[in-house]
Protein backbone atom coordinates (compact mmCIF):
# COMPACT_ATOMS: atom_id res chain seq x y z
CA UNK A 1 10.53 -19.57 14.14
CA UNK A 2 8.18 -19.83 17.14
CA UNK A 3 8.83 -16.16 17.95
CA UNK A 4 7.95 -15.10 14.39
CA UNK A 5 4.78 -17.20 14.47
CA UNK A 6 3.76 -15.55 17.73
CA UNK A 7 4.32 -12.08 16.23
CA UNK A 8 2.23 -13.01 13.18
CA UNK A 9 -0.52 -14.31 15.46
CA UNK A 10 -0.45 -11.13 17.55
CA UNK A 11 -0.55 -8.87 14.49
CA UNK A 12 -3.44 -10.87 12.99
CA UNK A 13 -5.39 -10.41 16.23
CA UNK A 14 -4.90 -6.66 15.90
CA UNK A 15 -6.02 -6.75 12.26
CA UNK A 16 -9.35 -8.29 13.29
CA UNK A 17 -10.30 -4.79 14.44
CA UNK A 18 -9.09 -3.07 11.29
CA UNK A 19 -11.00 -2.03 8.18
CA UNK A 20 -11.47 -3.97 4.96
CA UNK A 21 -8.86 -3.19 2.31
CA UNK A 22 -9.08 -4.12 -1.37
CA UNK A 23 -5.95 -4.30 -3.54
CA UNK A 24 -6.32 -4.03 -7.33
CA UNK A 25 -3.27 -4.83 -9.39
CA UNK A 26 -2.53 -3.41 -12.85
CA UNK A 27 -0.13 -4.12 -15.67
CA UNK A 28 1.21 -1.35 -17.83
CA UNK A 29 1.68 -1.31 -21.59
CA UNK A 30 2.93 1.40 -23.93
CA UNK A 31 0.62 2.51 -26.73
CA UNK A 32 2.75 4.91 -28.74
CA UNK A 33 6.16 6.37 -29.27
CA UNK A 34 6.32 8.20 -25.97
CA UNK A 35 6.76 6.64 -22.57
CA UNK A 36 3.78 8.57 -21.16
CA UNK A 37 1.35 6.92 -23.62
CA UNK A 38 0.35 4.02 -21.38
CA UNK A 39 -2.66 1.84 -20.82
CA UNK A 40 -3.30 0.19 -17.48
CA UNK A 41 -5.14 -3.13 -17.45
CA UNK A 42 -6.33 -4.85 -14.31
CA UNK A 43 -4.22 -7.92 -13.65
CA UNK A 44 -5.78 -10.88 -11.87
CA UNK A 45 -8.47 -10.63 -9.24
CA UNK A 46 -8.94 -8.25 -6.35
CA UNK A 47 -7.17 -9.15 -3.11
CA UNK A 48 -9.14 -8.44 0.07
CA UNK A 49 -7.56 -8.24 3.50
CA UNK A 50 -7.81 -6.29 6.72
CA UNK A 51 -5.62 -3.33 7.58
CA UNK A 52 -5.17 -0.15 9.59
CA UNK A 53 -4.78 3.28 8.04
CA UNK A 54 -3.31 6.18 9.98
CA UNK A 55 -2.48 9.80 9.22
CA UNK A 56 1.05 11.00 8.58
CA UNK A 57 2.80 12.53 11.60
CA UNK A 58 5.19 15.42 11.23
CA UNK A 59 7.88 14.55 13.78
CA UNK A 60 11.11 15.57 12.07
CA UNK A 61 13.14 12.89 13.88
CA UNK A 62 11.33 9.93 12.32
CA UNK A 63 11.55 8.25 8.93
CA UNK A 64 8.23 9.91 8.03
CA UNK A 65 9.71 13.31 8.81
CA UNK A 66 12.56 12.60 6.40
CA UNK A 67 10.14 11.46 3.68
CA UNK A 68 8.08 14.62 4.23
CA UNK A 69 11.18 16.82 3.93
CA UNK A 70 12.21 15.01 0.74
CA UNK A 71 8.74 15.54 -0.75
CA UNK A 72 8.14 11.81 -1.21
CA UNK A 73 5.03 11.87 0.97
CA UNK A 74 2.60 14.66 1.90
CA UNK A 75 0.58 15.42 5.02
CA UNK A 76 -2.60 14.36 3.17
CA UNK A 77 -1.19 10.88 2.50
CA UNK A 78 -1.83 7.93 4.81
CA UNK A 79 0.14 4.98 6.04
CA UNK A 80 -1.48 1.58 5.84
CA UNK A 81 -0.48 -1.48 7.86
CA UNK A 82 -1.34 -4.91 6.39
CA UNK A 83 -0.30 -8.54 6.71
CA UNK A 84 3.27 -9.21 5.58
CA UNK A 85 2.13 -11.70 2.93
CA UNK A 86 0.07 -9.19 0.91
CA UNK A 87 1.57 -9.14 -2.62
CA UNK A 88 3.00 -5.66 -3.25
CA UNK A 89 6.05 -6.13 -5.48
CA UNK A 90 6.92 -6.41 -9.18
CA UNK A 91 3.68 -4.84 -10.35
CA UNK A 92 3.34 -1.53 -12.16
CA UNK A 93 0.48 0.06 -10.25
CA UNK A 94 -1.53 -0.92 -7.18
CA UNK A 95 -4.83 0.67 -6.25
CA UNK A 96 -6.08 0.41 -2.67
CA UNK A 97 -9.73 0.76 -1.71
CA UNK A 98 -10.60 1.33 1.94
CA UNK A 99 -13.83 0.04 3.43
CA UNK A 100 -16.45 -2.42 2.28
CA UNK A 101 -18.02 -1.22 0.10
CA UNK A 102 -15.02 0.81 -0.99
CA UNK A 103 -15.56 4.46 -0.18
CA UNK A 104 -12.21 5.94 -1.27
CA UNK A 105 -9.52 4.85 -3.72
CA UNK A 106 -5.81 5.33 -3.10
CA UNK A 107 -2.60 4.55 -4.97
CA UNK A 108 0.38 2.88 -3.37
CA UNK A 109 3.30 5.25 -3.55
CA UNK A 110 6.34 3.87 -5.31
CA UNK A 111 9.98 4.74 -4.85
CA UNK A 112 10.54 2.31 -1.96
CA UNK A 113 7.57 3.56 0.08
CA UNK A 114 6.68 -0.01 1.14
CA UNK A 115 8.41 -1.30 4.26
CA UNK A 116 8.23 -5.01 5.04
CA UNK A 117 9.00 -5.99 8.63
CA UNK A 118 10.46 -9.48 8.94
CA UNK A 119 11.86 -11.73 11.65
CA UNK A 120 14.41 -14.29 10.40
CA UNK A 121 13.03 -13.99 6.86
CA UNK A 122 9.39 -14.47 7.94
CA UNK A 123 7.20 -11.49 6.93
CA UNK A 124 5.22 -10.07 9.87
CA UNK A 125 3.58 -6.94 8.45
CA UNK A 126 4.00 -4.25 5.80
CA UNK A 127 3.69 -0.49 6.03
CA UNK A 128 2.59 1.20 2.82
CA UNK A 129 2.21 4.89 2.08
CA UNK A 130 -0.91 5.62 0.07
CA UNK A 131 -2.22 8.75 -1.67
CA UNK A 132 -5.87 9.58 -2.36
CA UNK A 133 -6.94 9.37 -6.01
CA UNK A 134 -9.17 12.40 -6.61
CA UNK A 135 -10.92 10.85 -9.60
CA UNK A 136 -10.86 7.32 -8.22
CA UNK A 137 -8.75 6.00 -11.10
CA UNK A 138 -5.28 6.18 -12.60
CA UNK A 139 -4.40 8.04 -15.78
CA UNK A 140 -4.64 5.51 -18.60
CA UNK A 141 -6.94 3.16 -16.73
């Protein structure tokens, strides 16, 4: 446990030099007969934390290279590193705003694009793949 606590402490020291990140969580409800008739409603309050965003690299021998080849991520996407305790599961949509004030809005990519790194069950950090929202909002928001 002491090793995990040291890793968390080290990662938090790195995050002090990161940028402000805002997470907005949404719930999804159907409005009609078809499954694409949805309304997104903000759920709860915004969650602010610090994080690091980096561009996608194209090395074919990495997990990112595999995701690029499968078409699950694109070169224009970003990867975002945040604290391991940031809530990112069991929600329909998550919007990420980078900067304070928020200058650009992104969506967290689904389909298992969130990797949580743990030591003995203790979350250290998470890596999320995010995609820029051209209009700044989701469809149905």
